[in-house]
PDB file of N, CA and C in Angstrom:
ATOM      1  N   MET A   1      11.713  22.353  21.942  1.00  0.00           N
ATOM      2  CA  MET A   1      12.625  21.353  21.533  1.00  0.00           C
ATOM      3  C   MET A   1      12.497  20.270  22.652  1.00  0.00           C
ATOM      4  N   TYR A   2      12.310  18.813  21.778  1.00  0.00           N
ATOM      5  CA  TYR A   2      12.243  17.692  22.721  1.00  0.00           C
ATOM      6  C   TYR A   2      13.580  16.913  22.418  1.00  0.00           C
ATOM      7  N   THR A   3      13.546  15.689  23.181  1.00  0.00           N
ATOM      8  CA  THR A   3      14.583  14.774  22.844  1.00  0.00           C
ATOM      9  C   THR A   3      13.980  13.351  22.830  1.00  0.00           C
ATOM     10  N   TYR A   4      15.042  12.458  22.562  1.00  0.00           N
ATOM     11  CA  TYR A   4      14.590  11.060  22.228  1.00  0.00           C
ATOM     12  C   TYR A   4      14.172  10.383  23.576  1.00  0.00           C
ATOM     13  N   ALA A   5      14.535  10.924  24.835  1.00  0.00           N
ATOM     14  CA  ALA A   5      14.558  10.435  26.067  1.00  0.00           C
ATOM     15  C   ALA A   5      13.024  10.328  26.375  1.00  0.00           C
ATOM     16  N   LEU A   6      12.211  11.328  25.596  1.00  0.00           N
ATOM     17  CA  LEU A   6      10.704  11.319  25.873  1.00  0.00           C
ATOM     18  C   LEU A   6       9.825  10.102  25.176  1.00  0.00           C
ATOM     19  N   LEU A   7      10.618   9.531  24.222  1.00  0.00           N
ATOM     20  CA  LEU A   7       9.925   8.437  23.395  1.00  0.00           C
ATOM     21  C   LEU A   7       9.893   7.095  24.283  1.00  0.00           C
ATOM     22  N   GLU A   8       8.741   6.513  24.232  1.00  0.00           N
ATOM     23  CA  GLU A   8       8.542   5.185  24.882  1.00  0.00           C
ATOM     24  C   GLU A   8       8.806   4.087  23.822  1.00  0.00           C
ATOM     25  N   PRO A   9       9.438   3.017  24.431  1.00  0.00           N
ATOM     26  CA  PRO A   9       9.798   1.942  23.434  1.00  0.00           C
ATOM     27  C   PRO A   9       8.544   1.213  23.193  1.00  0.00           C
ATOM     28  N   GLY A  10       8.355   0.888  21.854  1.00  0.00           N
ATOM     29  CA  GLY A  10       7.348   0.119  21.389  1.00  0.00           C
ATOM     30  C   GLY A  10       6.307   0.994  20.821  1.00  0.00           C
ATOM     31  N   CYS A  11       6.402   2.285  20.902  1.00  0.00           N
ATOM     32  CA  CYS A  11       5.404   3.277  20.369  1.00  0.00           C
ATOM     33  C   CYS A  11       5.935   3.862  19.043  1.00  0.00           C
ATOM     34  N   TYR A  12       4.932   4.169  18.304  1.00  0.00           N
ATOM     35  CA  TYR A  12       5.271   5.141  16.955  1.00  0.00           C
ATOM     36  C   TYR A  12       4.832   6.508  17.030  1.00  0.00           C
ATOM     37  N   TYR A  13       5.865   7.364  16.535  1.00  0.00           N
ATOM     38  CA  TYR A  13       5.715   8.737  16.566  1.00  0.00           C
ATOM     39  C   TYR A  13       5.812   9.234  15.173  1.00  0.00           C
ATOM     40  N   LEU A  14       4.941  10.401  15.040  1.00  0.00           N
ATOM     41  CA  LEU A  14       5.172  11.374  13.856  1.00  0.00           C
ATOM     42  C   LEU A  14       6.152  12.592  14.560  1.00  0.00           C
ATOM     43  N   VAL A  15       7.282  12.802  13.949  1.00  0.00           N
ATOM     44  CA  VAL A  15       8.159  13.660  14.572  1.00  0.00           C
ATOM     45  C   VAL A  15       8.616  14.671  13.247  1.00  0.00           C
ATOM     46  N   GLN A  16       9.149  15.824  13.660  1.00  0.00           N
ATOM     47  CA  GLN A  16      10.035  16.594  12.824  1.00  0.00           C
ATOM     48  C   GLN A  16      11.258  16.838  13.447  1.00  0.00           C
ATOM     49  N   GLU A  17      12.256  16.205  12.881  1.00  0.00           N
ATOM     50  CA  GLU A  17      13.515  16.294  13.729  1.00  0.00           C
ATOM     51  C   GLU A  17      14.262  17.612  13.655  1.00  0.00           C
ATOM     52  N   LYS A  18      14.139  18.401  12.580  1.00  0.00           N
ATOM     53  CA  LYS A  18      14.585  19.690  12.547  1.00  0.00           C
ATOM     54  C   LYS A  18      13.634  20.687  12.001  1.00  0.00           C
ATOM     55  N   ILE A  19      13.680  21.871  12.092  1.00  0.00           N
ATOM     56  CA  ILE A  19      12.910  23.032  11.580  1.00  0.00           C
ATOM     57  C   ILE A  19      12.626  22.690  10.146  1.00  0.00           C
ATOM     58  N   ASN A  20      11.639  22.789   9.537  1.00  0.00           N
ATOM     59  CA  ASN A  20      11.225  22.704   8.094  1.00  0.00           C
ATOM     60  C   ASN A  20      11.756  21.227   7.546  1.00  0.00           C
ATOM     61  N   SER A  21      11.968  20.307   8.393  1.00  0.00           N
ATOM     62  CA  SER A  21      12.273  18.946   7.863  1.00  0.00           C
ATOM     63  C   SER A  21      10.962  18.249   7.571  1.00  0.00           C
ATOM     64  N   PRO A  22      10.900  17.268   6.699  1.00  0.00           N
ATOM     65  CA  PRO A  22       9.654  16.482   6.558  1.00  0.00           C
ATOM     66  C   PRO A  22       9.310  15.742   7.919  1.00  0.00           C
ATOM     67  N   ILE A  23       7.907  15.364   7.869  1.00  0.00           N
ATOM     68  CA  ILE A  23       7.486  14.713   9.033  1.00  0.00           C
ATOM     69  C   ILE A  23       7.859  13.253   8.663  1.00  0.00           C
ATOM     70  N   SER A  24       8.461  12.560   9.728  1.00  0.00           N
ATOM     71  CA  SER A  24       8.734  11.142   9.577  1.00  0.00           C
ATOM     72  C   SER A  24       8.139  10.143  10.564  1.00  0.00           C
ATOM     73  N   LEU A  25       7.832   8.940  10.244  1.00  0.00           N
ATOM     74  CA  LEU A  25       7.295   8.163  11.387  1.00  0.00           C
ATOM     75  C   LEU A  25       8.493   7.283  11.790  1.00  0.00           C
ATOM     76  N   ILE A  26       8.554   7.252  13.280  1.00  0.00           N
ATOM     77  CA  ILE A  26       9.597   6.596  13.834  1.00  0.00           C
ATOM     78  C   ILE A  26       8.934   5.746  14.606  1.00  0.00           C
ATOM     79  N   LYS A  27       9.776   4.537  15.226  1.00  0.00           N
ATOM     80  CA  LYS A  27       9.441   3.889  16.328  1.00  0.00           C
ATOM     81  C   LYS A  27      10.497   3.624  17.434  1.00  0.00           C
ATOM     82  N   ALA A  28      10.216   3.986  18.501  1.00  0.00           N
ATOM     83  CA  ALA A  28      11.380   3.715  19.523  1.00  0.00           C
ATOM     84  C   ALA A  28      11.377   2.241  19.803  1.00  0.00           C
ATOM     85  N   THR A  29      12.464   1.480  19.602  1.00  0.00           N
ATOM     86  CA  THR A  29      12.345   0.058  19.562  1.00  0.00           C
ATOM     87  C   THR A  29      12.974  -0.397  20.695  1.00  0.00           C
ATOM     88  N   VAL A  30      14.171   0.032  21.061  1.00  0.00           N
ATOM     89  CA  VAL A  30      14.867  -0.434  22.333  1.00  0.00           C
ATOM     90  C   VAL A  30      15.384   0.861  23.059  1.00  0.00           C
ATOM     91  N   GLU A  31      15.575   0.878  24.380  1.00  0.00           N
ATOM     92  CA  GLU A  31      16.108   1.761  25.305  1.00  0.00           C
ATOM     93  C   GLU A  31      17.170   1.351  25.923  1.00  0.00           C
ATOM     94  N   SER A  32      18.308   2.063  25.891  1.00  0.00           N
ATOM     95  CA  SER A  32      19.443   1.624  26.900  1.00  0.00           C
ATOM     96  C   SER A  32      19.662   2.792  27.864  1.00  0.00           C
ATOM     97  N   ASP A  33      20.610   2.632  28.711  1.00  0.00           N
ATOM     98  CA  ASP A  33      20.769   3.836  29.798  1.00  0.00           C
ATOM     99  C   ASP A  33      20.954   5.086  29.090  1.00  0.00           C
ATOM    100  N   VAL A  34      21.685   5.179  27.895  1.00  0.00           N
ATOM    101  CA  VAL A  34      22.247   6.397  27.380  1.00  0.00           C
ATOM    102  C   VAL A  34      21.464   6.607  25.870  1.00  0.00           C
ATOM    103  N   CYS A  35      21.009   5.436  25.178  1.00  0.00           N
ATOM    104  CA  CYS A  35      20.513   5.632  23.891  1.00  0.00           C
ATOM    105  C   CYS A  35      19.204   5.236  23.656  1.00  0.00           C
ATOM    106  N   MET A  36      18.683   5.431  22.601  1.00  0.00           N
ATOM    107  CA  MET A  36      17.545   4.683  22.032  1.00  0.00           C
ATOM    108  C   MET A  36      17.749   4.296  20.797  1.00  0.00           C
ATOM    109  N   PHE A  37      17.272   3.107  20.380  1.00  0.00           N
ATOM    110  CA  PHE A  37      17.402   2.408  19.207  1.00  0.00           C
ATOM    111  C   PHE A  37      16.122   2.826  18.307  1.00  0.00           C
ATOM    112  N   ILE A  38      16.241   3.387  17.197  1.00  0.00           N
ATOM    113  CA  ILE A  38      14.987   3.917  16.428  1.00  0.00           C
ATOM    114  C   ILE A  38      15.061   3.369  15.072  1.00  0.00           C
ATOM    115  N   THR A  39      13.645   3.015  14.693  1.00  0.00           N
ATOM    116  CA  THR A  39      13.362   2.637  13.636  1.00  0.00           C
ATOM    117  C   THR A  39      12.638   3.595  12.683  1.00  0.00           C
ATOM    118  N   ARG A  40      13.211   4.178  11.405  1.00  0.00           N
ATOM    119  CA  ARG A  40      12.646   5.104  10.641  1.00  0.00           C
ATOM    120  C   ARG A  40      12.120   4.548   9.396  1.00  0.00           C
ATOM    121  N   TYR A  41      10.710   4.788   9.254  1.00  0.00           N
ATOM    122  CA  TYR A  41      10.087   4.251   8.119  1.00  0.00           C
ATOM    123  C   TYR A  41      10.082   5.213   6.863  1.00  0.00           C
ATOM    124  N   ASP A  42      11.232   5.323   6.425  1.00  0.00           N
ATOM    125  CA  ASP A  42      11.690   6.272   5.172  1.00  0.00           C
ATOM    126  C   ASP A  42      11.616   5.081   4.019  1.00  0.00           C
ATOM    127  N   GLU A  43      11.988   5.612   2.944  1.00  0.00           N
ATOM    128  CA  GLU A  43      12.131   4.723   1.672  1.00  0.00           C
ATOM    129  C   GLU A  43      13.691   4.744   1.598  1.00  0.00           C
ATOM    130  N   PRO A  44      14.662   3.897   1.919  1.00  0.00           N
ATOM    131  CA  PRO A  44      14.286   2.612   2.525  1.00  0.00           C
ATOM    132  C   PRO A  44      14.227   2.857   4.152  1.00  0.00           C
ATOM    133  N   MET A  45      13.756   1.879   4.968  1.00  0.00           N
ATOM    134  CA  MET A  45      13.643   1.892   6.345  1.00  0.00           C
ATOM    135  C   MET A  45      15.021   2.012   6.788  1.00  0.00           C
ATOM    136  N   VAL A  46      15.108   2.736   7.979  1.00  0.00           N
ATOM    137  CA  VAL A  46      16.499   3.143   8.536  1.00  0.00           C
ATOM    138  C   VAL A  46      16.425   2.531   9.987  1.00  0.00           C
ATOM    139  N   THR A  47      17.419   1.937  10.540  1.00  0.00           N
ATOM    140  CA  THR A  47      17.566   1.709  12.067  1.00  0.00           C
ATOM    141  C   THR A  47      18.682   2.491  12.413  1.00  0.00           C
ATOM    142  N   GLU A  48      18.640   2.981  13.576  1.00  0.00           N
ATOM    143  CA  GLU A  48      19.867   3.842  14.143  1.00  0.00           C
ATOM    144  C   GLU A  48      19.692   3.993  15.600  1.00  0.00           C
ATOM    145  N   TRP A  49      20.790   4.122  16.189  1.00  0.00           N
ATOM    146  CA  TRP A  49      20.885   4.479  17.500  1.00  0.00           C
ATOM    147  C   TRP A  49      21.064   6.079  17.737  1.00  0.00           C
ATOM    148  N   LYS A  50      20.264   6.523  18.623  1.00  0.00           N
ATOM    149  CA  LYS A  50      20.297   8.001  19.042  1.00  0.00           C
ATOM    150  C   LYS A  50      20.350   8.170  20.362  1.00  0.00           C
ATOM    151  N   LYS A  51      21.187   9.385  20.621  1.00  0.00           N
ATOM    152  CA  LYS A  51      21.427   9.557  22.087  1.00  0.00           C
ATOM    153  C   LYS A  51      20.107  10.111  22.697  1.00  0.00           C
ATOM    154  N   LYS A  52      19.827   9.770  24.069  1.00  0.00           N
ATOM    155  CA  LYS A  52      18.673  10.252  24.433  1.00  0.00           C
ATOM    156  C   LYS A  52      18.457  11.855  24.537  1.00  0.00           C
ATOM    157  N   ASN A  53      19.562  12.406  24.529  1.00  0.00           N
ATOM    158  CA  ASN A  53      19.531  13.798  24.816  1.00  0.00           C
ATOM    159  C   ASN A  53      19.744  14.561  23.395  1.00  0.00           C
ATOM    160  N   ASP A  54      19.630  13.864  22.161  1.00  0.00           N
ATOM    161  CA  ASP A  54      19.675  14.297  21.026  1.00  0.00           C
ATOM    162  C   ASP A  54      18.308  15.005  20.554  1.00  0.00           C
ATOM    163  N   PRO A  55      18.407  16.174  19.962  1.00  0.00           N
ATOM    164  CA  PRO A  55      17.223  16.955  20.015  1.00  0.00           C
ATOM    165  C   PRO A  55      16.289  16.471  18.779  1.00  0.00           C
ATOM    166  N   ILE A  56      14.835  16.645  18.953  1.00  0.00           N
ATOM    167  CA  ILE A  56      14.035  16.530  18.149  1.00  0.00           C
ATOM    168  C   ILE A  56      13.101  17.780  17.967  1.00  0.00           C
ATOM    169  N   HIS A  57      12.877  18.541  16.853  1.00  0.00           N
ATOM    170  CA  HIS A  57      12.355  19.858  16.769  1.00  0.00           C
ATOM    171  C   HIS A  57      10.861  19.700  17.321  1.00  0.00           C
ATOM    172  N   ASP A  58      10.016  18.759  17.064  1.00  0.00           N
ATOM    173  CA  ASP A  58       8.680  18.478  17.267  1.00  0.00           C
ATOM    174  C   ASP A  58       8.311  17.134  17.292  1.00  0.00           C
ATOM    175  N   ILE A  59       7.541  16.533  18.320  1.00  0.00           N
ATOM    176  CA  ILE A  59       6.988  15.431  18.345  1.00  0.00           C
ATOM    177  C   ILE A  59       5.361  15.706  18.170  1.00  0.00           C
ATOM    178  N   LEU A  60       4.979  15.324  16.849  1.00  0.00           N
ATOM    179  CA  LEU A  60       3.686  15.703  16.345  1.00  0.00           C
ATOM    180  C   LEU A  60       2.478  14.953  17.264  1.00  0.00           C
ATOM    181  N   GLU A  61       2.952  13.454  17.284  1.00  0.00           N
ATOM    182  CA  GLU A  61       1.838  12.821  17.948  1.00  0.00           C
ATOM    183  C   GLU A  61       2.401  11.351  18.179  1.00  0.00           C
ATOM    184  N   CYS A  62       2.072  10.760  19.236  1.00  0.00           N
ATOM    185  CA  CYS A  62       2.126   9.235  19.402  1.00  0.00           C
ATOM    186  C   CYS A  62       1.077   8.567  18.852  1.00  0.00           C
ATOM    187  N   LEU A  63       1.110   7.745  17.853  1.00  0.00           N
ATOM    188  CA  LEU A  63       0.096   7.136  17.253  1.00  0.00           C
ATOM    189  C   LEU A  63      -0.679   6.306  18.153  1.00  0.00           C
ATOM    190  N   THR A  64      -1.918   6.192  18.122  1.00  0.00           N
ATOM    191  CA  THR A  64      -2.799   5.317  18.934  1.00  0.00           C
ATOM    192  C   THR A  64      -2.591   3.964  18.371  1.00  0.00           C
ATOM    193  N   ASP A  65      -3.140   2.790  19.077  1.00  0.00           N
ATOM    194  CA  ASP A  65      -3.256   1.503  18.690  1.00  0.00           C
ATOM    195  C   ASP A  65      -3.843   1.418  17.379  1.00  0.00           C
ATOM    196  N   ASP A  66      -4.959   1.968  17.363  1.00  0.00           N
ATOM    197  CA  ASP A  66      -5.877   1.945  16.170  1.00  0.00           C
ATOM    198  C   ASP A  66      -5.290   2.572  14.933  1.00  0.00           C
ATOM    199  N   THR A  67      -4.683   3.729  15.079  1.00  0.00           N
ATOM    200  CA  THR A  67      -4.018   4.383  13.913  1.00  0.00           C
ATOM    201  C   THR A  67      -2.723   3.477  13.443  1.00  0.00           C
ATOM    202  N   THR A  68      -2.028   2.821  14.366  1.00  0.00           N
ATOM    203  CA  THR A  68      -0.910   1.996  14.099  1.00  0.00           C
ATOM    204  C   THR A  68      -1.368   0.913  13.368  1.00  0.00           C
ATOM    205  N   ARG A  69      -2.522   0.078  13.686  1.00  0.00           N
ATOM    206  CA  ARG A  69      -2.798  -1.011  13.097  1.00  0.00           C
ATOM    207  C   ARG A  69      -3.336  -0.666  11.589  1.00  0.00           C
ATOM    208  N   GLU A  70      -4.089   0.455  11.387  1.00  0.00           N
ATOM    209  CA  GLU A  70      -4.453   0.960  10.051  1.00  0.00           C
ATOM    210  C   GLU A  70      -3.142   1.273   9.249  1.00  0.00           C
ATOM    211  N   TRP A  71      -2.211   1.905   9.878  1.00  0.00           N
ATOM    212  CA  TRP A  71      -0.950   2.207   9.190  1.00  0.00           C
ATOM    213  C   TRP A  71      -0.215   0.790   8.783  1.00  0.00           C
ATOM    214  N   GLU A  72      -0.203  -0.029   9.748  1.00  0.00           N
ATOM    215  CA  GLU A  72       0.424  -1.430   9.341  1.00  0.00           C
ATOM    216  C   GLU A  72      -0.215  -1.916   8.261  1.00  0.00           C
ATOM    217  N   LYS A  73      -1.280  -2.165   8.205  1.00  0.00           N
ATOM    218  CA  LYS A  73      -2.107  -2.706   7.051  1.00  0.00           C
ATOM    219  C   LYS A  73      -1.688  -2.199   5.704  1.00  0.00           C
ATOM    220  N   TYR A  74      -1.572  -0.799   5.666  1.00  0.00           N
ATOM    221  CA  TYR A  74      -1.133  -0.045   4.378  1.00  0.00           C
ATOM    222  C   TYR A  74       0.165  -0.350   4.300  1.00  0.00           C
ATOM    223  N   TYR A  75       1.144  -0.187   5.135  1.00  0.00           N
ATOM    224  CA  TYR A  75       2.364  -0.568   5.030  1.00  0.00           C
ATOM    225  C   TYR A  75       2.877  -1.823   4.489  1.00  0.00           C
ATOM    226  N   ASN A  76       2.173  -2.778   4.938  1.00  0.00           N
ATOM    227  CA  ASN A  76       2.381  -4.351   4.721  1.00  0.00           C
ATOM    228  C   ASN A  76       1.711  -4.528   3.183  1.00  0.00           C
ATOM    229  N   SER A  77       0.728  -3.805   2.747  1.00  0.00           N
ATOM    230  CA  SER A  77       0.276  -4.118   1.641  1.00  0.00           C
ATOM    231  C   SER A  77       1.122  -3.303   0.532  1.00  0.00           C
ATOM    232  N   GLU A  78       1.692  -2.407   0.839  1.00  0.00           N
ATOM    233  CA  GLU A  78       2.587  -1.704   0.026  1.00  0.00           C
ATOM    234  C   GLU A  78       3.978  -2.622  -0.233  1.00  0.00           C
ATOM    235  N   ASP A  79       4.431  -3.278   0.831  1.00  0.00           N
ATOM    236  CA  ASP A  79       5.495  -4.173   0.805  1.00  0.00           C
ATOM    237  C   ASP A  79       5.343  -5.348  -0.150  1.00  0.00           C
ATOM    238  N   ALA A  80       4.044  -5.796  -0.105  1.00  0.00           N
ATOM    239  CA  ALA A  80       3.541  -6.948  -0.996  1.00  0.00           C
ATOM    240  C   ALA A  80       3.626  -6.454  -2.562  1.00  0.00           C
ATOM    241  N   TYR A  81       3.111  -5.345  -2.747  1.00  0.00           N
ATOM    242  CA  TYR A  81       3.218  -4.499  -3.968  1.00  0.00           C
ATOM    243  C   TYR A  81       4.527  -4.525  -4.732  1.00  0.00           C
ATOM    244  N   TYR A  82       5.690  -4.342  -3.825  1.00  0.00           N
ATOM    245  CA  TYR A  82       6.945  -4.142  -4.365  1.00  0.00           C
ATOM    246  C   TYR A  82       7.649  -5.463  -4.521  1.00  0.00           C
ATOM    247  N   GLU A  83       7.171  -6.590  -4.059  1.00  0.00           N
ATOM    248  CA  GLU A  83       7.912  -7.765  -3.966  1.00  0.00           C
ATOM    249  C   GLU A  83       7.994  -8.317  -5.401  1.00  0.00           C
ATOM    250  N   GLU A  84       9.185  -8.761  -5.816  1.00  0.00           N
ATOM    251  CA  GLU A  84       9.504  -9.244  -7.069  1.00  0.00           C
ATOM    252  C   GLU A  84       8.739 -10.881  -7.313  1.00  0.00           C
ATOM    253  N   ASP A  85       8.417 -10.982  -8.438  1.00  0.00           N
ATOM    254  CA  ASP A  85       7.951 -12.224  -8.713  1.00  0.00           C
ATOM    255  C   ASP A  85       8.932 -13.110  -9.429  1.00  0.00           C
ATOM    256  N   ASP A  86       9.376 -14.498  -8.680  1.00  0.00           N
ATOM    257  CA  ASP A  86      10.428 -15.115  -9.050  1.00  0.00           C
ATOM    258  C   ASP A  86      10.118 -16.124 -10.302  1.00  0.00           C
ATOM    259  N   GLU A  87       8.883 -16.093 -10.853  1.00  0.00           N
ATOM    260  CA  GLU A  87       8.532 -17.003 -11.629  1.00  0.00           C
ATOM    261  C   GLU A  87       8.727 -16.418 -12.955  1.00  0.00           C
TER     262      GLU A  87
END
């Protein structure tokens, strides 16, 4: 069992918050003395504060810079795909 205190701000992680829950991509965005501000890349994207001692069942990996760039290219192209045309 892990906690949010292990996450480094600015890094992307693949995590499983509970046993048998789906794998989620999160980014530790801001760290305070007691909490972490997390961006969860679900549909829709969710931002929330988590206590540093809140449990995470498994941290599968911290994404490398190369993997993050590849994911961002894909994610940004998907956003463009869903934009509505005002014309």
